Amino acid sequence: MTRILLLEPDRKLCEKNQRVLEEAGYQCQASCLPRDAVRRIKEDMPDLVIMSVLVSFRDCRQLLHLLEKNGTPVLFTSCTAGNENHIRSLYHAPCLPVEGELPAPRMLESVACLLNRNPGILRSGSLWMDTEKRTVTLDGKPMSLTAQEFELLHSLMLKPNETLSREELLRTAWGFQSMGITRTVDVHVQRLRRKLGAGIIETVYQAGYRLRTA
């Protein structure tokens, strides 16, 4: 069951949104104070956090740091018009700032969008890819990838934990048959490993490569 942490200083609104989320099938914990939210995520990291910006960002510094490091998506509510970019500049993992209080249908739609139910968003642990914006983040930090590195990683993220041959990767990431040039796949995998870390893409002996999920 998908776990959601709700941080909302308005106790009545917090209880109301918690009921909406639980009725929709989510496992939801609610907090009114940042320090309580920090304690909860240290015990059990949620899949998503819904946080009101009425809570001081200064008080939430530790909370946001822990969430960002894990790549946890955050739905920021009660935003004011025009401050979306400012919020995105403060939190570098996947997030969605929305204006004002959310009616139940829109809140559930926003939650579904942030979770891995959006076909344009791919996630493997703290590795996130937005195929529409063509961005990649790891541990909340933006990754600078070339167009071909992006396509190769995209092919691997579409089939996590599944071994893909070099020939298949050439077809899906490069768009052509092998023609005896599978070495180019090895070169680009090595480049991705230097940027993302050696443990994310595994070599399967005499078979190809696979993306290791957390």
Foldseek 3Di string as FASTA:
>chain_A
DAEEEEAALPVVVQVVLCVLQVVVPYHYDYDPALVVVVVVCVVPNGQEYEHEPVHDVVRNVVVLLVCLQFLREYEYEQDDPPCQVVVCVVFQHHYHYDHHDDDSVVVVVVVCCRGPNNPQWFDFGNWIARNVVGWIDHSSHTFDDDLLLSQLVVVQRVPAPDFDALQRSCCRRVNDGPPPPSVVVVVSVVVVCVGHNVPQWDADPPGHIHGYGD
